[in-house]
Amino acid sequence: MNTANLQLEGLLLAVAALFAELKQKGALDANEIEAALDRAAQGASDCTTELSEANAEAVRFPIRFLREAFRQTEGRLDYRSLASAVGRARDAGPAR
């Protein structure tokens, strides 16, 4: 596996854990975190207009991953299970 992919896995898990801490400590509420992810998704949509669909999906994946991790209410963050959930959701229909 590409080392950069492993680094991104770690980064995504770290950001997901930070979101959980920000919510738990009351620094941001769930709506504010969802709004931040919505802004990120809009920015990703704006920058993917000239990319292939596969590359556009690659840009959107981290945002979808963080959204899924944020919605997980308890337990340890597991990259594989979260990534699988993102894939299943994408296959099921339009993503938010």
C-alpha atoms as a PDB file:
ATOM      1  CA  MET A   1       0.000   0.000   0.000  1.00  0.00           C
ATOM      2  CA  ASN A   2       1.131   3.512  -0.746  1.00  0.00           C
ATOM      3  CA  THR A   3       2.555   5.242   2.341  1.00  0.00           C
ATOM      4  CA  ALA A   4       0.552   8.388   1.533  1.00  0.00           C
ATOM      5  CA  ASN A   5      -2.653   6.355   1.820  1.00  0.00           C
ATOM      6  CA  LEU A   6      -1.645   5.195   5.285  1.00  0.00           C
ATOM      7  CA  GLN A   7      -0.851   8.762   6.286  1.00  0.00           C
ATOM      8  CA  LEU A   8      -4.266   9.897   5.058  1.00  0.00           C
ATOM      9  CA  GLU A   9      -5.945   7.113   7.033  1.00  0.00           C
ATOM     10  CA  GLY A  10      -4.252   8.364  10.179  1.00  0.00           C
ATOM     11  CA  LEU A  11      -5.113  11.972   9.412  1.00  0.00           C
ATOM     12  CA  LEU A  12      -8.782  11.166   8.827  1.00  0.00           C
ATOM     13  CA  LEU A  13      -8.988   9.240  12.086  1.00  0.00           C
ATOM     14  CA  ALA A  14      -7.300  12.121  13.934  1.00  0.00           C
ATOM     15  CA  VAL A  15      -9.700  14.708  12.501  1.00  0.00           C
ATOM     16  CA  ALA A  16     -12.665  12.471  13.318  1.00  0.00           C
ATOM     17  CA  ALA A  17     -11.464  12.178  16.918  1.00  0.00           C
ATOM     18  CA  LEU A  18     -11.041  15.954  17.106  1.00  0.00           C
ATOM     19  CA  PHE A  19     -14.608  16.476  15.895  1.00  0.00           C
ATOM     20  CA  ALA A  20     -15.845  14.161  18.625  1.00  0.00           C
ATOM     21  CA  GLU A  21     -13.859  16.053  21.279  1.00  0.00           C
ATOM     22  CA  LEU A  22     -15.069  19.443  20.028  1.00  0.00           C
ATOM     23  CA  LYS A  23     -18.654  18.235  20.265  1.00  0.00           C
ATOM     24  CA  GLN A  24     -18.163  16.574  23.660  1.00  0.00           C
ATOM     25  CA  LYS A  25     -16.588  19.705  25.141  1.00  0.00           C
ATOM     26  CA  GLY A  26     -19.309  21.928  23.687  1.00  0.00           C
ATOM     27  CA  ALA A  27     -16.939  23.919  21.470  1.00  0.00           C
ATOM     28  CA  LEU A  28     -19.055  22.980  18.438  1.00  0.00           C
ATOM     29  CA  ASP A  29     -22.461  21.387  18.292  1.00  0.00           C
ATOM     30  CA  ALA A  30     -23.545  18.727  15.827  1.00  0.00           C
ATOM     31  CA  ASN A  31     -25.156  21.280  13.505  1.00  0.00           C
ATOM     32  CA  GLU A  32     -21.969  23.339  13.334  1.00  0.00           C
ATOM     33  CA  ILE A  33     -19.866  20.294  12.513  1.00  0.00           C
ATOM     34  CA  GLU A  34     -22.357  19.172   9.862  1.00  0.00           C
ATOM     35  CA  ALA A  35     -22.333  22.710   8.419  1.00  0.00           C
ATOM     36  CA  ALA A  36     -18.533  22.639   8.215  1.00  0.00           C
ATOM     37  CA  LEU A  37     -18.696  19.316   6.392  1.00  0.00           C
ATOM     38  CA  ASP A  38     -21.363  20.746   4.084  1.00  0.00           C
ATOM     39  CA  ARG A  39     -19.038  23.655   3.245  1.00  0.00           C
ATOM     40  CA  ALA A  40     -16.231  21.195   2.550  1.00  0.00           C
ATOM     41  CA  ALA A  41     -18.528  19.138   0.311  1.00  0.00           C
ATOM     42  CA  GLN A  42     -19.537  22.249  -1.620  1.00  0.00           C
ATOM     43  CA  GLY A  43     -15.897  23.204  -2.065  1.00  0.00           C
ATOM     44  CA  ALA A  44     -15.135  19.692  -3.283  1.00  0.00           C
ATOM     45  CA  SER A  45     -18.021  19.864  -5.753  1.00  0.00           C
ATOM     46  CA  ASP A  46     -16.759  23.188  -7.064  1.00  0.00           C
ATOM     47  CA  CYS A  47     -13.243  21.863  -7.676  1.00  0.00           C
ATOM     48  CA  THR A  48     -14.189  18.524  -9.246  1.00  0.00           C
ATOM     49  CA  THR A  49     -16.045  19.742 -12.320  1.00  0.00           C
ATOM     50  CA  GLU A  50     -13.122  18.950 -14.635  1.00  0.00           C
ATOM     51  CA  LEU A  51     -12.100  15.671 -12.993  1.00  0.00           C
ATOM     52  CA  SER A  52     -13.054  12.154 -13.985  1.00  0.00           C
ATOM     53  CA  GLU A  53     -15.799  10.676 -11.824  1.00  0.00           C
ATOM     54  CA  ALA A  54     -13.274   8.385 -10.129  1.00  0.00           C
ATOM     55  CA  ASN A  55     -11.058  11.342  -9.199  1.00  0.00           C
ATOM     56  CA  ALA A  56     -14.068  13.380  -8.068  1.00  0.00           C
ATOM     57  CA  GLU A  57     -15.072  10.490  -5.797  1.00  0.00           C
ATOM     58  CA  ALA A  58     -11.538  10.448  -4.408  1.00  0.00           C
ATOM     59  CA  VAL A  59     -11.868  14.141  -3.505  1.00  0.00           C
ATOM     60  CA  ARG A  60     -15.260  13.579  -1.868  1.00  0.00           C
ATOM     61  CA  PHE A  61     -14.243  10.466   0.078  1.00  0.00           C
ATOM     62  CA  PRO A  62     -12.546  12.213   3.054  1.00  0.00           C
ATOM     63  CA  ILE A  63     -15.595  14.417   3.623  1.00  0.00           C
ATOM     64  CA  ARG A  64     -17.921  11.440   3.488  1.00  0.00           C
ATOM     65  CA  PHE A  65     -15.589   9.514   5.792  1.00  0.00           C
ATOM     66  CA  LEU A  66     -15.561  12.315   8.371  1.00  0.00           C
ATOM     67  CA  ARG A  67     -19.336  12.660   8.182  1.00  0.00           C
ATOM     68  CA  GLU A  68     -19.745   8.913   8.787  1.00  0.00           C
ATOM     69  CA  ALA A  69     -17.205   8.949  11.635  1.00  0.00           C
ATOM     70  CA  PHE A  70     -18.962  11.922  13.237  1.00  0.00           C
ATOM     71  CA  ARG A  71     -22.280  10.096  13.122  1.00  0.00           C
ATOM     72  CA  GLN A  72     -20.769   7.102  14.887  1.00  0.00           C
ATOM     73  CA  THR A  73     -21.804   7.703  18.465  1.00  0.00           C
ATOM     74  CA  GLU A  74     -19.640   5.288  20.365  1.00  0.00           C
ATOM     75  CA  GLY A  75     -16.875   2.771  20.094  1.00  0.00           C
ATOM     76  CA  ARG A  76     -13.452   2.982  18.639  1.00  0.00           C
ATOM     77  CA  LEU A  77     -12.866   4.580  15.267  1.00  0.00           C
ATOM     78  CA  ASP A  78     -12.085   1.835  12.781  1.00  0.00           C
ATOM     79  CA  TYR A  79     -10.921   2.988   9.363  1.00  0.00           C
ATOM     80  CA  ARG A  80     -11.993  -0.120   7.471  1.00  0.00           C
ATOM     81  CA  SER A  81     -15.510  -0.243   8.841  1.00  0.00           C
ATOM     82  CA  LEU A  82     -16.024   3.492   8.313  1.00  0.00           C
ATOM     83  CA  ALA A  83     -14.645   3.335   4.755  1.00  0.00           C
ATOM     84  CA  SER A  84     -16.910   0.360   4.023  1.00  0.00           C
ATOM     85  CA  ALA A  85     -19.915   2.280   5.334  1.00  0.00           C
ATOM     86  CA  VAL A  86     -19.019   5.215   3.076  1.00  0.00           C
ATOM     87  CA  GLY A  87     -18.803   2.872   0.096  1.00  0.00           C
ATOM     88  CA  ARG A  88     -22.123   1.233   0.891  1.00  0.00           C
ATOM     89  CA  ALA A  89     -23.809   4.624   1.283  1.00  0.00           C
ATOM     90  CA  ARG A  90     -22.368   5.826  -2.022  1.00  0.00           C
ATOM     91  CA  ASP A  91     -23.586   2.678  -3.762  1.00  0.00           C
ATOM     92  CA  ALA A  92     -27.045   3.104  -2.216  1.00  0.00           C
ATOM     93  CA  GLY A  93     -27.709   6.553  -3.619  1.00  0.00           C
ATOM     94  CA  PRO A  94     -26.842  10.230  -3.670  1.00  0.00           C
ATOM     95  CA  ALA A  95     -24.464  11.290  -0.928  1.00  0.00           C
ATOM     96  CA  ARG A  96     -24.841  14.228   1.324  1.00  0.00           C
END
